[in-house]
Amino acid sequence: MGIPHLLVHEHDDNVGVVVVEGLKAGTTMLAVVTADNSAFEIEAKADIPIGHKVALKDLAAGDTAVKYGEDIGRFVADVARGAHVHVHNLKTKRW
């Protein structure tokens, strides 16, 4: 296994976190699931900064974002697999 581009904590998560600088659209990312050290590949649909999230599957507005096996918010726009997830398409449910 090479150096991962993306970390996913649980198999049920639908977003992962970019862990490399300068990730460019079109990159085939190596994603590692930390729960069991398994891996998969996913293509980046946009340039995504380190520390930002990536959709692991196609998601619809209104869907719940799951990271660390926990609800972290609600999608306010449709998001394609491999797309950048951030404040433009994800909001907290707290307010």
C-alpha atoms as a PDB file:
ATOM      1  CA  MET A   1       0.000   0.000   0.000  1.00  0.00           C
ATOM      2  CA  GLY A   2       1.303   3.464  -0.870  1.00  0.00           C
ATOM      3  CA  ILE A   3       0.953   6.713   1.016  1.00  0.00           C
ATOM      4  CA  PRO A   4      -2.751   7.566   1.491  1.00  0.00           C
ATOM      5  CA  HIS A   5      -4.319  10.740   0.139  1.00  0.00           C
ATOM      6  CA  LEU A   6      -7.501  10.301   2.160  1.00  0.00           C
ATOM      7  CA  LEU A   7      -8.381   8.884   5.579  1.00  0.00           C
ATOM      8  CA  VAL A   8     -11.764   7.391   6.392  1.00  0.00           C
ATOM      9  CA  HIS A   9     -12.439   6.349   9.976  1.00  0.00           C
ATOM     10  CA  GLU A  10     -15.355   3.889   9.731  1.00  0.00           C
ATOM     11  CA  HIS A  11     -16.830   1.840   6.889  1.00  0.00           C
ATOM     12  CA  ASP A  12     -20.187   3.594   7.359  1.00  0.00           C
ATOM     13  CA  ASP A  13     -18.658   7.075   6.883  1.00  0.00           C
ATOM     14  CA  ASN A  14     -19.717   8.869   3.719  1.00  0.00           C
ATOM     15  CA  VAL A  15     -16.943  11.491   3.843  1.00  0.00           C
ATOM     16  CA  GLY A  16     -13.189  11.177   4.274  1.00  0.00           C
ATOM     17  CA  VAL A  17     -10.430  13.703   5.021  1.00  0.00           C
ATOM     18  CA  VAL A  18      -7.640  14.722   2.627  1.00  0.00           C
ATOM     19  CA  VAL A  19      -4.248  14.228   4.293  1.00  0.00           C
ATOM     20  CA  VAL A  20      -1.868  15.527   1.594  1.00  0.00           C
ATOM     21  CA  GLU A  21      -1.024  19.017   0.350  1.00  0.00           C
ATOM     22  CA  GLY A  22      -1.859  20.049  -3.195  1.00  0.00           C
ATOM     23  CA  LEU A  23      -4.446  17.400  -4.097  1.00  0.00           C
ATOM     24  CA  LYS A  24      -5.512  18.057  -7.696  1.00  0.00           C
ATOM     25  CA  ALA A  25      -8.678  17.201  -9.606  1.00  0.00           C
ATOM     26  CA  GLY A  26      -8.311  13.940 -11.490  1.00  0.00           C
ATOM     27  CA  THR A  27      -6.001  12.359  -8.902  1.00  0.00           C
ATOM     28  CA  THR A  28      -6.787   8.741  -8.132  1.00  0.00           C
ATOM     29  CA  MET A  29      -6.670   8.939  -4.351  1.00  0.00           C
ATOM     30  CA  LEU A  30      -5.670   6.059  -2.131  1.00  0.00           C
ATOM     31  CA  ALA A  31      -8.164   6.044   0.747  1.00  0.00           C
ATOM     32  CA  VAL A  32      -7.400   4.103   3.925  1.00  0.00           C
ATOM     33  CA  VAL A  33     -10.108   3.071   6.394  1.00  0.00           C
ATOM     34  CA  THR A  34      -8.471   3.385   9.795  1.00  0.00           C
ATOM     35  CA  ALA A  35     -10.953   1.026  11.492  1.00  0.00           C
ATOM     36  CA  ASP A  36      -9.254  -1.975   9.865  1.00  0.00           C
ATOM     37  CA  ASN A  37      -6.486  -0.544   7.635  1.00  0.00           C
ATOM     38  CA  SER A  38      -8.359  -1.551   4.473  1.00  0.00           C
ATOM     39  CA  ALA A  39      -8.038   0.633   1.380  1.00  0.00           C
ATOM     40  CA  PHE A  40      -9.865   1.691  -1.769  1.00  0.00           C
ATOM     41  CA  GLU A  41      -9.391   4.191  -4.583  1.00  0.00           C
ATOM     42  CA  ILE A  42     -11.530   7.188  -5.481  1.00  0.00           C
ATOM     43  CA  GLU A  43     -10.990   9.959  -8.039  1.00  0.00           C
ATOM     44  CA  ALA A  44     -10.843  13.582  -6.860  1.00  0.00           C
ATOM     45  CA  LYS A  45     -13.397  15.676  -8.784  1.00  0.00           C
ATOM     46  CA  ALA A  46     -11.802  18.981  -7.726  1.00  0.00           C
ATOM     47  CA  ASP A  47      -8.647  20.423  -6.191  1.00  0.00           C
ATOM     48  CA  ILE A  48      -9.162  19.791  -2.466  1.00  0.00           C
ATOM     49  CA  PRO A  49      -7.103  21.377   0.333  1.00  0.00           C
ATOM     50  CA  ILE A  50      -5.510  19.291   3.062  1.00  0.00           C
ATOM     51  CA  GLY A  51      -7.887  18.784   6.000  1.00  0.00           C
ATOM     52  CA  HIS A  52     -11.017  19.194   3.870  1.00  0.00           C
ATOM     53  CA  LYS A  53     -13.547  16.450   3.244  1.00  0.00           C
ATOM     54  CA  VAL A  54     -14.386  14.361   0.163  1.00  0.00           C
ATOM     55  CA  ALA A  55     -17.701  12.654  -0.589  1.00  0.00           C
ATOM     56  CA  LEU A  56     -17.232   8.877  -0.704  1.00  0.00           C
ATOM     57  CA  LYS A  57     -20.465   8.310  -2.647  1.00  0.00           C
ATOM     58  CA  ASP A  58     -23.067  10.401  -4.441  1.00  0.00           C
ATOM     59  CA  LEU A  59     -25.030  12.317  -1.805  1.00  0.00           C
ATOM     60  CA  ALA A  60     -28.214  14.373  -2.082  1.00  0.00           C
ATOM     61  CA  ALA A  61     -29.268  17.629  -0.470  1.00  0.00           C
ATOM     62  CA  GLY A  62     -30.835  16.699   2.868  1.00  0.00           C
ATOM     63  CA  ASP A  63     -28.611  13.637   3.417  1.00  0.00           C
ATOM     64  CA  THR A  64     -26.661  13.358   6.661  1.00  0.00           C
ATOM     65  CA  ALA A  65     -22.858  13.569   6.544  1.00  0.00           C
ATOM     66  CA  VAL A  66     -21.188  10.799   8.552  1.00  0.00           C
ATOM     67  CA  LYS A  67     -17.568  11.055   9.741  1.00  0.00           C
ATOM     68  CA  TYR A  68     -15.991   9.061  12.612  1.00  0.00           C
ATOM     69  CA  GLY A  69     -19.231   7.071  12.518  1.00  0.00           C
ATOM     70  CA  GLU A  70     -21.043  10.214  13.734  1.00  0.00           C
ATOM     71  CA  ASP A  71     -23.556  12.653  12.247  1.00  0.00           C
ATOM     72  CA  ILE A  72     -21.571  15.823  11.468  1.00  0.00           C
ATOM     73  CA  GLY A  73     -24.185  17.768   9.510  1.00  0.00           C
ATOM     74  CA  ARG A  74     -26.628  17.979   6.619  1.00  0.00           C
ATOM     75  CA  PHE A  75     -25.844  18.372   2.933  1.00  0.00           C
ATOM     76  CA  VAL A  76     -27.464  21.514   1.493  1.00  0.00           C
ATOM     77  CA  ALA A  77     -26.595  20.598  -2.108  1.00  0.00           C
ATOM     78  CA  ASP A  78     -26.105  17.410  -4.081  1.00  0.00           C
ATOM     79  CA  VAL A  79     -22.498  16.199  -3.932  1.00  0.00           C
ATOM     80  CA  ALA A  80     -20.921  13.697  -6.335  1.00  0.00           C
ATOM     81  CA  ARG A  81     -18.561  10.899  -5.304  1.00  0.00           C
ATOM     82  CA  GLY A  82     -15.053  12.365  -5.117  1.00  0.00           C
ATOM     83  CA  ALA A  83     -16.241  15.979  -4.780  1.00  0.00           C
ATOM     84  CA  HIS A  84     -15.097  18.563  -2.248  1.00  0.00           C
ATOM     85  CA  VAL A  85     -17.267  18.733   0.889  1.00  0.00           C
ATOM     86  CA  HIS A  86     -17.050  22.010   2.807  1.00  0.00           C
ATOM     87  CA  VAL A  87     -19.169  24.978   3.937  1.00  0.00           C
ATOM     88  CA  HIS A  88     -20.615  25.473   0.439  1.00  0.00           C
ATOM     89  CA  ASN A  89     -22.497  22.156   0.555  1.00  0.00           C
ATOM     90  CA  LEU A  90     -22.524  21.032   4.208  1.00  0.00           C
ATOM     91  CA  LYS A  91     -24.052  22.728   7.236  1.00  0.00           C
ATOM     92  CA  THR A  92     -24.286  21.809  10.881  1.00  0.00           C
ATOM     93  CA  LYS A  93     -27.643  20.662  12.232  1.00  0.00           C
ATOM     94  CA  ARG A  94     -27.064  22.649  15.427  1.00  0.00           C
ATOM     95  CA  TRP A  95     -28.487  25.914  14.042  1.00  0.00           C
END
